[in-house]
Amino acid sequence: MAVEMPRMIKSKFPKDFGDGFYCTKLEMQAIRWASRYDTAVISIYEYTPDENLKTLVKYPTHQICFCNKKALKTLKFIEFSKLNEYDRQRR
């Protein structure tokens, strides 16, 4: 589903950076993540970095984990897109 108001979620399974709200700037990575669900949706945000927040750069993937309310305030929901079968096959 579209996520217009992101929030931190406690996961059943450990994630790379712990609990939080995860995003990526890599379209194919977002498609892979969304394709795990029956109704695959990608939410698109504008991100404004905040130099006061701690960051960790992890290559070759691109993940941003928003771990607190201050971090979530750097996101502004723009739109969402439902993936079609073509998108899913591109992954």
N, C-alpha and C. Protein backbone atom coordinates (compact mmCIF):
# COMPACT_ATOMS: atom_id res chain seq x y z
N MET A 1 0.84 -1.18 0.00
CA MET A 1 0.00 0.00 0.00
C MET A 1 0.88 1.24 0.00
N ALA A 2 0.33 2.32 -0.43
CA ALA A 2 1.07 3.59 -0.39
C ALA A 2 1.29 4.00 1.06
N VAL A 3 2.45 4.56 1.33
CA VAL A 3 2.78 5.00 2.69
C VAL A 3 2.96 6.52 2.65
N GLU A 4 1.85 7.22 2.89
CA GLU A 4 1.89 8.68 2.86
C GLU A 4 2.49 9.26 4.13
N MET A 5 2.31 8.56 5.25
CA MET A 5 2.86 9.02 6.53
C MET A 5 3.75 7.92 7.09
N PRO A 6 5.03 7.92 6.71
CA PRO A 6 5.94 6.86 7.18
C PRO A 6 6.07 6.85 8.70
N ARG A 7 6.29 5.66 9.22
CA ARG A 7 6.55 5.51 10.65
C ARG A 7 7.53 4.38 10.84
N MET A 8 8.17 4.41 11.98
CA MET A 8 9.13 3.37 12.31
C MET A 8 8.38 2.11 12.69
N ILE A 9 8.84 0.97 12.19
CA ILE A 9 8.17 -0.30 12.46
C ILE A 9 9.15 -1.27 13.10
N LYS A 10 8.69 -1.94 14.11
CA LYS A 10 9.49 -2.97 14.75
C LYS A 10 9.35 -4.23 13.91
N SER A 11 10.46 -4.78 13.48
CA SER A 11 10.46 -5.92 12.59
C SER A 11 10.56 -7.24 13.34
N LYS A 12 9.94 -8.28 12.78
CA LYS A 12 10.07 -9.62 13.35
C LYS A 12 11.47 -10.17 13.10
N PHE A 13 12.07 -9.73 11.98
CA PHE A 13 13.38 -10.22 11.58
C PHE A 13 14.37 -9.06 11.60
N PRO A 14 15.60 -9.31 12.05
CA PRO A 14 16.60 -8.23 12.10
C PRO A 14 16.88 -7.66 10.71
N LYS A 15 16.98 -6.36 10.64
CA LYS A 15 17.32 -5.66 9.40
C LYS A 15 18.75 -5.14 9.53
N ASP A 16 19.31 -4.66 8.41
CA ASP A 16 20.70 -4.19 8.40
C ASP A 16 20.98 -3.12 9.44
N PHE A 17 20.06 -2.18 9.61
CA PHE A 17 20.28 -1.07 10.54
C PHE A 17 19.29 -1.07 11.70
N GLY A 18 18.65 -2.19 11.94
CA GLY A 18 17.70 -2.28 13.04
C GLY A 18 16.30 -1.84 12.62
N ASP A 19 15.48 -1.57 13.63
CA ASP A 19 14.10 -1.17 13.36
C ASP A 19 14.06 0.24 12.78
N GLY A 20 13.09 0.49 11.91
CA GLY A 20 12.95 1.81 11.32
C GLY A 20 12.14 1.75 10.05
N PHE A 21 12.15 2.84 9.30
CA PHE A 21 11.48 2.95 8.01
C PHE A 21 12.56 3.00 6.94
N TYR A 22 12.56 2.02 6.03
CA TYR A 22 13.63 1.88 5.04
C TYR A 22 13.22 2.42 3.68
N CYS A 23 14.14 3.11 3.04
CA CYS A 23 13.96 3.63 1.67
C CYS A 23 15.24 3.39 0.88
N THR A 24 15.13 3.57 -0.43
CA THR A 24 16.29 3.51 -1.31
C THR A 24 16.10 4.49 -2.45
N LYS A 25 17.19 4.97 -3.03
CA LYS A 25 17.08 5.82 -4.21
C LYS A 25 17.23 5.00 -5.49
N LEU A 26 17.52 3.71 -5.36
CA LEU A 26 17.71 2.83 -6.51
C LEU A 26 16.38 2.21 -6.93
N GLU A 27 15.90 2.57 -8.12
CA GLU A 27 14.59 2.11 -8.58
C GLU A 27 14.48 0.59 -8.59
N MET A 28 15.49 -0.11 -9.12
CA MET A 28 15.41 -1.57 -9.22
C MET A 28 15.37 -2.21 -7.82
N GLN A 29 16.06 -1.63 -6.88
CA GLN A 29 16.04 -2.15 -5.51
C GLN A 29 14.64 -1.95 -4.91
N ALA A 30 14.04 -0.80 -5.15
CA ALA A 30 12.68 -0.54 -4.67
C ALA A 30 11.69 -1.52 -5.29
N ILE A 31 11.85 -1.80 -6.57
CA ILE A 31 10.97 -2.76 -7.25
C ILE A 31 11.13 -4.14 -6.63
N ARG A 32 12.37 -4.55 -6.36
CA ARG A 32 12.60 -5.86 -5.72
C ARG A 32 11.92 -5.93 -4.36
N TRP A 33 12.08 -4.87 -3.56
CA TRP A 33 11.46 -4.86 -2.23
C TRP A 33 9.95 -4.94 -2.35
N ALA A 34 9.36 -4.14 -3.23
CA ALA A 34 7.90 -4.08 -3.36
C ALA A 34 7.33 -5.36 -3.96
N SER A 35 8.08 -6.05 -4.79
CA SER A 35 7.59 -7.24 -5.48
C SER A 35 7.38 -8.43 -4.56
N ARG A 36 7.80 -8.32 -3.31
CA ARG A 36 7.57 -9.40 -2.35
C ARG A 36 6.11 -9.49 -1.92
N TYR A 37 5.33 -8.49 -2.26
CA TYR A 37 3.94 -8.41 -1.80
C TYR A 37 2.98 -8.62 -2.97
N ASP A 38 1.77 -9.10 -2.67
CA ASP A 38 0.77 -9.34 -3.71
C ASP A 38 0.44 -8.08 -4.49
N THR A 39 0.20 -6.99 -3.79
CA THR A 39 -0.04 -5.69 -4.43
C THR A 39 1.21 -4.86 -4.22
N ALA A 40 2.03 -4.79 -5.27
CA ALA A 40 3.32 -4.11 -5.17
C ALA A 40 3.16 -2.61 -5.45
N VAL A 41 3.53 -1.81 -4.46
CA VAL A 41 3.41 -0.36 -4.55
C VAL A 41 4.72 0.27 -4.11
N ILE A 42 5.14 1.29 -4.85
CA ILE A 42 6.33 2.06 -4.47
C ILE A 42 5.86 3.46 -4.09
N SER A 43 6.22 3.88 -2.90
CA SER A 43 5.93 5.25 -2.46
C SER A 43 7.15 6.11 -2.77
N ILE A 44 6.90 7.30 -3.27
CA ILE A 44 7.98 8.20 -3.70
C ILE A 44 7.98 9.43 -2.80
N TYR A 45 9.18 9.76 -2.33
CA TYR A 45 9.34 10.87 -1.38
C TYR A 45 10.40 11.84 -1.87
N GLU A 46 10.30 13.06 -1.38
CA GLU A 46 11.39 14.02 -1.50
C GLU A 46 12.14 13.92 -0.18
N TYR A 47 13.45 13.81 -0.27
CA TYR A 47 14.29 13.65 0.92
C TYR A 47 15.18 14.88 1.07
N THR A 48 15.14 15.50 2.23
CA THR A 48 15.99 16.64 2.54
C THR A 48 16.94 16.23 3.65
N PRO A 49 18.23 16.00 3.31
CA PRO A 49 19.19 15.57 4.34
C PRO A 49 19.29 16.57 5.49
N ASP A 50 19.53 16.05 6.67
CA ASP A 50 19.72 16.85 7.87
C ASP A 50 21.11 16.51 8.42
N GLU A 51 22.01 17.46 8.36
CA GLU A 51 23.40 17.22 8.77
C GLU A 51 23.53 16.90 10.26
N ASN A 52 22.51 17.14 11.04
CA ASN A 52 22.55 16.85 12.47
C ASN A 52 22.26 15.39 12.79
N LEU A 53 21.84 14.63 11.77
CA LEU A 53 21.53 13.21 11.97
C LEU A 53 22.74 12.36 11.61
N LYS A 54 22.93 11.26 12.31
CA LYS A 54 24.02 10.34 12.01
C LYS A 54 23.68 9.55 10.75
N THR A 55 24.69 9.34 9.91
CA THR A 55 24.48 8.54 8.70
C THR A 55 25.57 7.50 8.59
N LEU A 56 25.24 6.43 7.89
CA LEU A 56 26.19 5.36 7.61
C LEU A 56 26.00 4.98 6.16
N VAL A 57 27.06 5.07 5.36
CA VAL A 57 26.99 4.75 3.94
C VAL A 57 27.33 3.28 3.76
N LYS A 58 26.46 2.53 3.07
CA LYS A 58 26.64 1.08 2.85
C LYS A 58 26.59 0.77 1.36
N TYR A 59 27.70 0.30 0.82
CA TYR A 59 27.79 -0.02 -0.60
C TYR A 59 27.85 -1.53 -0.73
N PRO A 60 27.29 -2.13 -1.76
CA PRO A 60 26.80 -1.60 -3.04
C PRO A 60 25.30 -1.31 -3.04
N THR A 61 24.61 -1.60 -1.93
CA THR A 61 23.19 -1.27 -1.90
C THR A 61 23.03 0.16 -1.43
N HIS A 62 21.82 0.65 -1.54
CA HIS A 62 21.54 1.98 -1.04
C HIS A 62 20.32 1.87 -0.16
N GLN A 63 20.51 2.06 1.12
CA GLN A 63 19.40 2.01 2.07
C GLN A 63 19.47 3.23 2.96
N ILE A 64 18.31 3.79 3.20
CA ILE A 64 18.22 4.83 4.22
C ILE A 64 17.23 4.30 5.25
N CYS A 65 17.69 4.20 6.48
CA CYS A 65 16.84 3.74 7.56
C CYS A 65 16.54 4.94 8.45
N PHE A 66 15.29 5.29 8.53
CA PHE A 66 14.86 6.40 9.36
C PHE A 66 14.48 5.81 10.71
N CYS A 67 15.31 6.08 11.73
CA CYS A 67 15.19 5.40 13.02
C CYS A 67 14.54 6.22 14.12
N ASN A 68 14.17 7.46 13.83
CA ASN A 68 13.50 8.28 14.84
C ASN A 68 12.60 9.32 14.17
N LYS A 69 11.80 10.00 14.97
CA LYS A 69 10.84 10.97 14.42
C LYS A 69 11.54 12.12 13.71
N LYS A 70 12.68 12.55 14.23
CA LYS A 70 13.41 13.65 13.59
C LYS A 70 13.87 13.24 12.19
N ALA A 71 14.31 12.01 12.06
CA ALA A 71 14.73 11.52 10.75
C ALA A 71 13.55 11.43 9.79
N LEU A 72 12.41 10.98 10.27
CA LEU A 72 11.23 10.88 9.41
C LEU A 72 10.77 12.23 8.88
N LYS A 73 11.07 13.29 9.62
CA LYS A 73 10.68 14.64 9.17
C LYS A 73 11.46 15.09 7.94
N THR A 74 12.50 14.36 7.55
CA THR A 74 13.26 14.72 6.35
C THR A 74 12.58 14.20 5.08
N LEU A 75 11.48 13.45 5.24
CA LEU A 75 10.74 12.90 4.09
C LEU A 75 9.47 13.68 3.83
N LYS A 76 9.18 13.90 2.55
CA LYS A 76 7.91 14.49 2.15
C LYS A 76 7.31 13.58 1.08
N PHE A 77 6.12 13.03 1.34
CA PHE A 77 5.46 12.14 0.39
C PHE A 77 5.11 12.91 -0.88
N ILE A 78 5.45 12.32 -2.03
CA ILE A 78 5.15 12.94 -3.33
C ILE A 78 4.01 12.20 -4.03
N GLU A 79 4.18 10.89 -4.21
CA GLU A 79 3.18 10.09 -4.90
C GLU A 79 3.49 8.61 -4.70
N PHE A 80 2.62 7.76 -5.23
CA PHE A 80 2.89 6.34 -5.20
C PHE A 80 2.63 5.76 -6.58
N SER A 81 3.19 4.60 -6.82
CA SER A 81 3.05 3.94 -8.10
C SER A 81 2.83 2.45 -7.87
N LYS A 82 1.75 1.90 -8.47
CA LYS A 82 1.53 0.45 -8.41
C LYS A 82 2.36 -0.20 -9.51
N LEU A 83 3.05 -1.27 -9.15
CA LEU A 83 3.87 -1.96 -10.14
C LEU A 83 2.99 -2.89 -10.97
N ASN A 84 3.25 -2.91 -12.27
CA ASN A 84 2.55 -3.85 -13.12
C ASN A 84 3.44 -5.08 -13.35
N GLU A 85 2.97 -6.02 -14.10
CA GLU A 85 3.72 -7.27 -14.32
C GLU A 85 5.06 -7.00 -15.01
N TYR A 86 5.09 -6.03 -15.93
CA TYR A 86 6.35 -5.68 -16.61
C TYR A 86 7.40 -5.22 -15.60
N ASP A 87 6.99 -4.35 -14.68
CA ASP A 87 7.92 -3.86 -13.65
C ASP A 87 8.47 -5.02 -12.83
N ARG A 88 7.59 -5.92 -12.44
CA ARG A 88 8.00 -7.06 -11.61
C ARG A 88 9.00 -7.95 -12.35
N GLN A 89 8.83 -8.11 -13.65
CA GLN A 89 9.74 -8.97 -14.42
C GLN A 89 11.09 -8.29 -14.63
N ARG A 90 11.16 -6.96 -14.56
CA ARG A 90 12.42 -6.23 -14.72
C ARG A 90 13.36 -6.43 -13.55
N ARG A 91 12.82 -6.84 -12.42
CA ARG A 91 13.65 -6.92 -11.23
C ARG A 91 14.68 -7.98 -11.41
